[in-house]
């Protein structure tokens, strides 16, 4: 069949025009350029650009053109890491007093997460099976941060007029707890027991029973050391995957006579028991943390035990606790691992805590400032460090929620800006 030249030319233009238009259309929503990516889960540690589309990581490459995205942000000199995962917080703002007996110490979840690079928080047993529905409806449902939860083995949780309720073994109803877990499998990630003062392990064993029934890990705030054996608990009661929080709290018997980690601690770790920082307002001392870390016993996860007293004390926030661990000699990549990948895995969400194509775009952009910095523990002790981790940006599911230095904003003069109210 005979074809004339103009017809062939028009056909070629028709074929090429969509390609040209497509090339001019931004391919991504956001690209973060020139940052140092640390993703321990996928063994990434180097300079890469990261692109986001539809709330997920769309591309990771040495160079992604700024023109490929609707918005391009230069983060030169900063670290890009998975969104931080804090597995010990208290964000159930109850109507009643809580277990500490001096008013409600819980915090709004977004207030302690978004400005600090945290994209996932795990409430550590503030609620039990009796009040978890209230917690879900009133707090979790309204948070921009992803909020998961350990449910307390005590039905009324920590939200009580005094601490007597947490000593009530008759409110440790595994059947009722199991029913609540079944109704909230998307949020409940484990069982919590805390502040048990009796000279036995009833609360821990009940929590483990509930953990076995529901195939969930247990987090134990050990409580009192003067009437039962911590060694017995981590050696014979806790299972692989269970978490001992407040690991550097005095007077836990973590050290042997030689000043090194006690053999039972090493064996418990080999069995799979996890040891979490849980700094809090009364649970972190350099007297334990320093020799343990110096001898290679790093915490498995770094968490805050955030509540009103701890954030207004020497704990402050998760990047500050991470900085303390960094100052004690844990390498930066490992500090990031303990605050992202490890923490996410401990609560059964290994899909979080990573920067991988296809994964949710939960990202922390961090500055590691160099200088002379001091860090305090809860006994009034101090260590000096040459680095401090501070958050610059928090991105949750692809949306910039915190931007310390307004990198995503534009000069206001001459710009056609719309006033937005959240």
Protein backbone atom coordinates (compact mmCIF):
# COMPACT_ATOMS: atom_id res chain seq x y z
CA UNK A 1 0.00 0.00 0.00
CA UNK A 2 1.35 3.42 -1.01
CA UNK A 3 1.82 5.94 1.81
CA UNK A 4 2.72 9.59 1.24
CA UNK A 5 5.29 11.43 3.32
CA UNK A 6 2.93 13.90 5.06
CA UNK A 7 0.76 11.06 6.32
CA UNK A 8 3.78 9.21 7.74
CA UNK A 9 5.04 12.42 9.37
CA UNK A 10 1.72 13.10 11.07
CA UNK A 11 1.60 9.52 12.33
CA UNK A 12 5.09 9.83 13.81
CA UNK A 13 4.18 13.09 15.55
CA UNK A 14 1.03 11.50 16.98
CA UNK A 15 3.08 8.67 18.42
CA UNK A 16 5.79 10.90 19.90
CA UNK A 17 3.53 13.61 21.32
CA UNK A 18 2.25 11.55 24.34
CA UNK A 19 5.82 10.60 25.18
CA UNK A 20 6.90 14.23 25.17
CA UNK A 21 3.91 15.31 27.24
CA UNK A 22 4.57 12.47 29.71
CA UNK A 23 8.21 13.56 30.04
CA UNK A 24 7.08 17.06 30.96
CA UNK A 25 4.64 15.83 33.60
CA UNK A 26 6.17 15.34 37.07
CA UNK A 27 6.54 11.65 37.76
CA UNK A 28 6.66 11.90 41.57
CA UNK A 29 4.95 13.91 44.30
CA UNK A 30 8.16 14.68 46.19
CA UNK A 31 11.84 14.01 45.79
CA UNK A 32 14.35 14.41 48.62
CA UNK A 33 17.72 15.07 47.05
CA UNK A 34 21.37 14.88 48.15
CA UNK A 35 20.72 13.24 51.53
CA UNK A 36 22.67 10.47 53.24
CA UNK A 37 20.29 7.53 53.42
CA UNK A 38 20.65 5.09 56.32
CA UNK A 39 18.35 2.09 56.04
CA UNK A 40 19.78 -0.69 58.22
CA UNK A 41 17.11 -3.21 57.20
CA UNK A 42 18.17 -3.08 53.56
CA UNK A 43 21.84 -2.33 54.28
CA UNK A 44 21.74 1.07 52.62
CA UNK A 45 24.26 3.60 53.89
CA UNK A 46 25.18 6.28 51.37
CA UNK A 47 24.15 9.29 49.34
CA UNK A 48 20.90 8.76 47.43
CA UNK A 49 17.87 10.65 46.23
CA UNK A 50 14.49 9.31 47.36
CA UNK A 51 11.24 9.87 45.46
CA UNK A 52 7.71 9.56 46.84
CA UNK A 53 4.48 8.92 44.98
CA UNK A 54 1.04 8.24 46.43
CA UNK A 55 2.34 7.98 49.99
CA UNK A 56 4.95 5.32 49.16
CA UNK A 57 8.61 5.16 48.29
CA UNK A 58 8.69 5.17 44.49
CA UNK A 59 12.39 5.33 43.67
CA UNK A 60 15.83 5.36 45.27
CA UNK A 61 18.71 6.33 43.04
CA UNK A 62 22.05 8.20 43.11
CA UNK A 63 20.37 11.03 41.21
CA UNK A 64 16.71 11.84 40.58
CA UNK A 65 16.14 15.10 38.64
CA UNK A 66 14.30 17.82 40.52
CA UNK A 67 12.05 18.19 37.48
CA UNK A 68 10.78 14.64 37.99
CA UNK A 69 8.71 15.67 41.01
CA UNK A 70 6.03 18.23 41.82
CA UNK A 71 8.26 19.36 44.69
CA UNK A 72 11.98 18.86 45.15
CA UNK A 73 13.73 19.38 48.49
CA UNK A 74 17.49 19.59 48.91
CA UNK A 75 18.60 17.92 52.14
CA UNK A 76 22.34 18.18 51.64
CA UNK A 77 24.27 17.50 54.82
CA UNK A 78 21.37 15.68 56.46
CA UNK A 79 20.52 12.03 57.08
CA UNK A 80 17.42 10.43 55.63
CA UNK A 81 16.24 7.46 57.69
CA UNK A 82 13.08 5.45 58.14
CA UNK A 83 10.53 7.22 60.30
CA UNK A 84 11.47 6.66 63.94
CA UNK A 85 9.50 3.99 65.82
CA UNK A 86 9.03 4.62 69.55
CA UNK A 87 7.70 1.43 71.14
CA UNK A 88 7.18 2.80 74.67
CA UNK A 89 5.00 5.89 75.03
CA UNK A 90 1.90 6.83 77.01
CA UNK A 91 -0.65 8.66 74.86
CA UNK A 92 -3.96 7.60 76.34
CA UNK A 93 -5.29 10.87 77.68
CA UNK A 94 -7.82 9.43 80.06
CA UNK A 95 -10.66 11.18 81.86
CA UNK A 96 -9.48 9.85 85.18
CA UNK A 97 -6.21 9.93 87.08
CA UNK A 98 -3.63 7.38 86.13
CA UNK A 99 -1.43 4.85 87.84
CA UNK A 100 1.09 7.36 89.10
CA UNK A 101 -1.62 8.89 91.28
CA UNK A 102 -0.86 12.54 90.54
CA UNK A 103 -3.06 13.33 87.58
CA UNK A 104 -2.94 12.29 83.95
CA UNK A 105 0.65 12.08 82.73
CA UNK A 106 -0.19 10.92 79.21
CA UNK A 107 0.56 13.08 76.17
CA UNK A 108 -1.14 13.81 72.85
CA UNK A 109 0.48 11.41 70.36
CA UNK A 110 1.20 13.93 67.61
CA UNK A 111 2.79 16.43 69.98
CA UNK A 112 5.60 14.07 70.96
CA UNK A 113 5.96 12.37 67.58
CA UNK A 114 5.69 14.79 64.67
CA UNK A 115 8.33 17.35 65.82
CA UNK A 116 10.74 14.53 66.68
CA UNK A 117 10.92 12.43 63.52
CA UNK A 118 8.64 9.75 64.97
CA UNK A 119 6.09 8.27 62.57
CA UNK A 120 5.01 5.26 64.66
CA UNK A 121 4.30 5.19 68.40
CA UNK A 122 3.34 2.21 70.52
CA UNK A 123 1.40 2.98 73.66
CA UNK A 124 2.79 0.78 76.41
CA UNK A 125 -0.22 -0.50 78.30
CA UNK A 126 -1.99 2.71 79.25
CA UNK A 127 -5.28 0.94 78.54
CA UNK A 128 -6.65 -2.51 79.29
CA UNK A 129 -9.58 -4.43 77.86
CA UNK A 130 -12.07 -2.26 79.77
CA UNK A 131 -11.03 1.11 78.30
CA UNK A 132 -9.27 0.23 75.06
CA UNK A 133 -12.37 1.11 72.96
CA UNK A 134 -12.29 4.63 74.45
CA UNK A 135 -8.56 4.88 73.70
CA UNK A 136 -9.09 3.80 70.09
CA UNK A 137 -12.05 6.09 69.46
CA UNK A 138 -10.82 9.21 71.17
CA UNK A 139 -7.05 9.13 70.66
CA UNK A 140 -5.87 6.64 68.04
CA UNK A 141 -8.61 7.47 65.56
CA UNK A 142 -7.71 11.18 65.62
CA UNK A 143 -3.91 10.91 65.45
CA UNK A 144 -1.92 11.79 62.36
CA UNK A 145 0.87 9.62 63.76
CA UNK A 146 0.48 5.86 63.43
CA UNK A 147 -0.43 4.68 66.93
CA UNK A 148 -0.23 1.01 67.90
CA UNK A 149 -0.64 -0.41 71.39
CA UNK A 150 0.36 -2.95 73.98
CA UNK A 151 -2.79 -3.75 75.92
CA UNK A 152 -2.40 -3.98 79.68
CA UNK A 153 -2.96 -7.36 81.32
CA UNK A 154 -5.02 -5.46 83.94
CA UNK A 155 -8.48 -4.70 82.57
CA UNK A 156 -8.49 -1.07 83.69
CA UNK A 157 -4.95 -0.44 82.45
CA UNK A 158 -2.94 2.36 84.00
CA UNK A 159 -5.76 4.89 84.00
CA UNK A 160 -6.88 4.62 87.60
CA UNK A 161 -7.20 6.82 90.65
CA UNK A 162 -4.19 5.13 92.25
CA UNK A 163 -1.77 2.26 91.64
CA UNK A 164 -3.83 -0.30 93.60
CA UNK A 165 -5.67 -1.41 90.44
CA UNK A 166 -2.47 -2.62 88.80
CA UNK A 167 -1.97 -4.98 91.74
CA UNK A 168 -5.41 -6.53 91.20
CA UNK A 169 -4.77 -10.01 89.83
CA UNK A 170 -8.52 -10.60 89.67
CA UNK A 171 -8.77 -7.99 86.90
CA UNK A 172 -6.30 -9.96 84.77
CA UNK A 173 -8.99 -11.57 82.64
CA UNK A 174 -7.28 -13.33 79.74
CA UNK A 175 -10.61 -14.23 78.10
CA UNK A 176 -11.83 -10.62 78.07
CA UNK A 177 -8.42 -9.40 76.90
CA UNK A 178 -8.38 -11.96 74.08
CA UNK A 179 -11.78 -10.81 72.88
CA UNK A 180 -10.52 -7.22 72.76
CA UNK A 181 -7.40 -8.28 70.86
CA UNK A 182 -9.50 -10.12 68.29
CA UNK A 183 -11.56 -6.97 67.73
CA UNK A 184 -8.48 -4.76 67.33
CA UNK A 185 -5.87 -6.88 65.60
CA UNK A 186 -4.88 -3.95 63.41
CA UNK A 187 -3.68 -1.94 66.42
CA UNK A 188 -2.87 -4.22 69.38
CA UNK A 189 0.67 -5.54 68.96
CA UNK A 190 1.39 -7.04 72.37
CA UNK A 191 0.58 -7.48 76.07
CA UNK A 192 1.98 -5.18 78.77
CA UNK A 193 2.49 -5.70 82.46
CA UNK A 194 3.84 -2.94 84.67
CA UNK A 195 4.49 -1.78 88.23
CA UNK A 196 3.81 -5.19 89.80
CA UNK A 197 4.93 -4.85 93.42
CA UNK A 198 4.18 -8.31 94.82
CA UNK A 199 6.94 -10.86 95.63
CA UNK A 200 5.90 -13.15 92.76
CA UNK A 201 5.43 -13.18 89.00
CA UNK A 202 1.64 -13.46 88.78
CA UNK A 203 1.25 -10.47 86.46
CA UNK A 204 4.13 -11.54 84.21
CA UNK A 205 2.88 -15.12 83.95
CA UNK A 206 -0.65 -13.90 83.21
CA UNK A 207 0.72 -11.62 80.51
CA UNK A 208 2.69 -14.51 78.99
CA UNK A 209 -0.46 -16.66 79.11
CA UNK A 210 -2.27 -13.93 77.17
CA UNK A 211 0.67 -13.63 74.81
CA UNK A 212 0.61 -17.36 74.08
CA UNK A 213 -3.13 -17.33 73.53
CA UNK A 214 -2.95 -14.40 71.10
CA UNK A 215 0.46 -15.08 69.54
CA UNK A 216 1.76 -11.71 70.69
CA UNK A 217 4.91 -10.54 72.49
CA UNK A 218 4.88 -9.33 76.08
CA UNK A 219 6.51 -6.13 77.30
CA UNK A 220 7.44 -6.14 80.98
CA UNK A 221 8.11 -3.06 83.06
CA UNK A 222 9.69 -5.12 85.80
CA UNK A 223 8.79 -2.82 88.65
CA UNK A 224 10.29 -3.78 92.01
CA UNK A 225 13.66 -5.56 92.26
CA UNK A 226 13.80 -6.03 96.01
CA UNK A 227 11.35 -8.93 96.30
CA UNK A 228 11.83 -11.10 93.21
CA UNK A 229 14.53 -12.15 90.79
CA UNK A 230 15.04 -10.32 87.51
CA UNK A 231 17.34 -13.14 86.44
CA UNK A 232 14.58 -15.69 87.00
CA UNK A 233 12.15 -13.65 84.93
CA UNK A 234 14.33 -13.17 81.86
CA UNK A 235 15.82 -16.66 82.08
CA UNK A 236 12.75 -18.81 82.69
CA UNK A 237 9.52 -16.86 82.15
CA UNK A 238 9.99 -14.53 79.19
CA UNK A 239 9.86 -16.11 75.75
CA UNK A 240 11.82 -15.32 72.59
CA UNK A 241 10.52 -12.00 71.31
CA UNK A 242 9.31 -10.78 74.70
CA UNK A 243 10.63 -7.36 75.74
CA UNK A 244 12.15 -6.22 79.01
CA UNK A 245 11.83 -2.44 79.00
CA UNK A 246 13.66 0.00 81.33
CA UNK A 247 16.73 -2.22 80.90
CA UNK A 248 19.16 0.39 82.30
CA UNK A 249 17.09 1.16 85.36
CA UNK A 250 18.83 0.88 88.73
CA UNK A 251 19.13 -1.33 90.63
CA UNK A 252 18.68 -4.06 88.00
CA UNK A 253 21.42 -6.67 88.51
CA UNK A 254 22.75 -6.56 84.95
CA UNK A 255 26.47 -6.63 85.73
CA UNK A 256 28.61 -9.47 87.02
CA UNK A 257 31.29 -9.16 89.67
CA UNK A 258 33.78 -8.35 86.90
CA UNK A 259 31.76 -5.32 85.82
CA UNK A 260 30.73 -6.96 82.57
CA UNK A 261 27.25 -8.03 81.43
CA UNK A 262 26.01 -10.86 83.63
CA UNK A 263 26.06 -14.26 81.90
CA UNK A 264 22.30 -14.65 82.36
CA UNK A 265 21.77 -11.47 80.31
CA UNK A 266 23.89 -12.81 77.48
CA UNK A 267 22.03 -16.14 77.56
CA UNK A 268 18.63 -14.46 77.65
CA UNK A 269 19.55 -12.47 74.56
CA UNK A 270 20.69 -15.63 72.81
CA UNK A 271 17.27 -17.13 73.55
CA UNK A 272 15.66 -14.12 71.87
CA UNK A 273 14.56 -11.94 74.79
CA UNK A 274 14.68 -8.26 73.76
CA UNK A 275 16.01 -5.44 75.92
CA UNK A 276 14.50 -1.98 75.43
CA UNK A 277 15.72 1.35 76.81
CA UNK A 278 12.38 2.84 77.96
CA UNK A 279 14.19 5.89 79.38
CA UNK A 280 11.21 7.51 81.12
CA UNK A 281 11.35 9.71 84.17
CA UNK A 282 12.99 7.12 86.42
CA UNK A 283 14.51 4.32 84.39
CA UNK A 284 17.87 5.26 82.86
CA UNK A 285 21.28 5.46 84.53
CA UNK A 286 24.74 5.70 83.01
CA UNK A 287 26.01 3.48 85.84
CA UNK A 288 24.32 0.57 84.07
CA UNK A 289 24.13 1.77 80.48
CA UNK A 290 27.79 2.73 80.10
CA UNK A 291 29.47 -0.54 81.17
CA UNK A 292 26.86 -2.64 79.36
CA UNK A 293 27.40 -0.75 76.10
CA UNK A 294 31.18 -0.57 76.52
CA UNK A 295 31.18 -4.36 76.69
CA UNK A 296 29.08 -4.73 73.55
CA UNK A 297 25.65 -5.22 75.12
CA UNK A 298 23.70 -2.68 73.12
CA UNK A 299 19.97 -2.23 73.69
CA UNK A 300 17.79 -3.98 71.13
CA UNK A 301 15.54 -0.93 70.84
CA UNK A 302 15.62 2.68 71.95
CA UNK A 303 12.39 4.10 73.34
CA UNK A 304 11.33 7.03 75.49
CA UNK A 305 8.59 6.02 77.94
CA UNK A 306 7.25 9.46 77.06
CA UNK A 307 4.84 11.05 79.53
CA UNK A 308 4.56 14.55 80.97
CA UNK A 309 7.22 14.06 83.63
CA UNK A 310 9.78 12.48 81.28
CA UNK A 311 9.47 14.97 78.40
CA UNK A 312 9.89 17.84 80.84
CA UNK A 313 12.86 16.13 82.48
CA UNK A 314 16.19 14.83 81.17
CA UNK A 315 14.60 12.38 78.72
CA UNK A 316 13.08 15.14 76.51
CA UNK A 317 12.39 13.20 73.29
CA UNK A 318 13.50 10.23 71.20
CA UNK A 319 16.30 12.01 69.28
CA UNK A 320 17.77 13.09 72.64
CA UNK A 321 17.71 9.52 73.95
CA UNK A 322 19.27 8.34 70.69
CA UNK A 323 21.98 10.98 71.18
CA UNK A 324 22.73 9.62 74.65
CA UNK A 325 23.18 6.12 73.28
CA UNK A 326 25.37 7.55 70.52
CA UNK A 327 27.48 9.37 73.13
CA UNK A 328 27.98 6.08 74.99
CA UNK A 329 29.66 4.58 71.93
CA UNK A 330 26.94 2.89 69.86
CA UNK A 331 27.62 3.68 66.17
CA UNK A 332 25.14 5.94 64.37
CA UNK A 333 23.92 3.24 61.97
CA UNK A 334 23.19 0.96 64.93
CA UNK A 335 21.40 3.76 66.80
CA UNK A 336 19.19 4.22 63.73
CA UNK A 337 18.59 0.45 63.58
CA UNK A 338 17.52 0.34 67.22
CA UNK A 339 15.13 3.26 66.67
CA UNK A 340 13.58 1.99 63.42
CA UNK A 341 14.08 -1.52 62.05
CA UNK A 342 14.56 -3.32 65.36
CA UNK A 343 11.72 -1.51 67.08
CA UNK A 344 9.29 -2.14 64.21
CA UNK A 345 10.21 -5.84 64.13
CA UNK A 346 9.76 -6.23 67.89
CA UNK A 347 6.12 -5.15 67.60
CA UNK A 348 5.40 -7.39 64.62
CA UNK A 349 5.54 -4.76 61.88
CA UNK A 350 8.76 -5.49 59.95
CA UNK A 351 7.30 -3.72 56.90
CA UNK A 352 7.92 -0.45 58.77
CA UNK A 353 11.33 0.87 59.69
CA UNK A 354 12.77 0.81 56.18
CA UNK A 355 13.30 2.89 53.04
CA UNK A 356 12.43 0.50 50.23
CA UNK A 357 10.59 0.92 46.95
CA UNK A 358 6.95 0.09 47.58
CA UNK A 359 7.09 0.65 51.34
CA UNK A 360 5.10 3.38 53.08
CA UNK A 361 6.90 6.73 52.90
CA UNK A 362 7.49 7.22 56.63
CA UNK A 363 10.71 9.21 56.76
CA UNK A 364 12.79 11.12 59.29
CA UNK A 365 15.28 13.70 58.05
CA UNK A 366 17.87 14.14 60.79
CA UNK A 367 20.78 16.45 61.42
CA UNK A 368 23.77 15.05 63.30
CA UNK A 369 25.36 18.22 64.63
CA UNK A 370 29.00 18.19 65.70
CA UNK A 371 30.22 20.07 68.74
CA UNK A 372 30.35 19.70 72.50
CA UNK A 373 27.16 18.39 74.07
CA UNK A 374 26.19 17.15 77.51
CA UNK A 375 23.65 14.45 78.41
CA UNK A 376 22.19 13.69 81.83
CA UNK A 377 20.76 10.54 83.36
CA UNK A 378 18.14 10.26 86.08
CA UNK A 379 20.67 10.09 88.91
CA UNK A 380 22.19 13.45 88.00
CA UNK A 381 25.06 11.86 86.11
CA UNK A 382 26.49 13.35 82.92
CA UNK A 383 28.32 12.17 79.83
CA UNK A 384 29.81 14.39 77.15
CA UNK A 385 29.28 13.76 73.49
CA UNK A 386 30.59 15.22 70.24
CA UNK A 387 27.34 14.73 68.32
CA UNK A 388 23.65 15.53 68.76
CA UNK A 389 20.77 14.14 66.69
CA UNK A 390 18.06 16.68 65.89
CA UNK A 391 15.01 16.29 63.63
CA UNK A 392 14.71 18.47 60.53
CA UNK A 393 11.70 16.92 58.78
CA UNK A 394 9.05 14.30 59.49
CA UNK A 395 7.22 12.69 56.60
CA UNK A 396 4.28 10.41 57.37
CA UNK A 397 2.86 8.37 54.48
CA UNK A 398 4.37 10.79 51.99
CA UNK A 399 3.04 13.94 53.64
CA UNK A 400 5.42 16.45 55.16
CA UNK A 401 4.16 16.89 58.72
CA UNK A 402 7.15 18.75 60.19
CA UNK A 403 9.65 20.99 58.42
CA UNK A 404 11.96 22.76 60.84
CA UNK A 405 13.69 25.00 58.32
CA UNK A 406 10.80 25.44 55.86
CA UNK A 407 12.49 23.54 53.06
CA UNK A 408 9.14 22.79 51.43
CA UNK A 409 7.94 26.40 51.57
CA UNK A 410 8.56 29.11 48.96
CA UNK A 411 9.51 32.80 49.30
CA UNK A 412 6.26 34.54 50.08
CA UNK A 413 6.91 37.70 48.12
CA UNK A 414 5.30 37.46 44.72
CA UNK A 415 3.91 33.99 45.40
CA UNK A 416 0.23 33.20 45.00
CA UNK A 417 -0.25 31.43 48.32
CA UNK A 418 -3.46 30.11 49.82
CA UNK A 419 -4.01 30.38 53.56
CA UNK A 420 -4.56 26.91 54.97
CA UNK A 421 -6.00 26.06 58.37
CA UNK A 422 -5.52 22.53 59.63
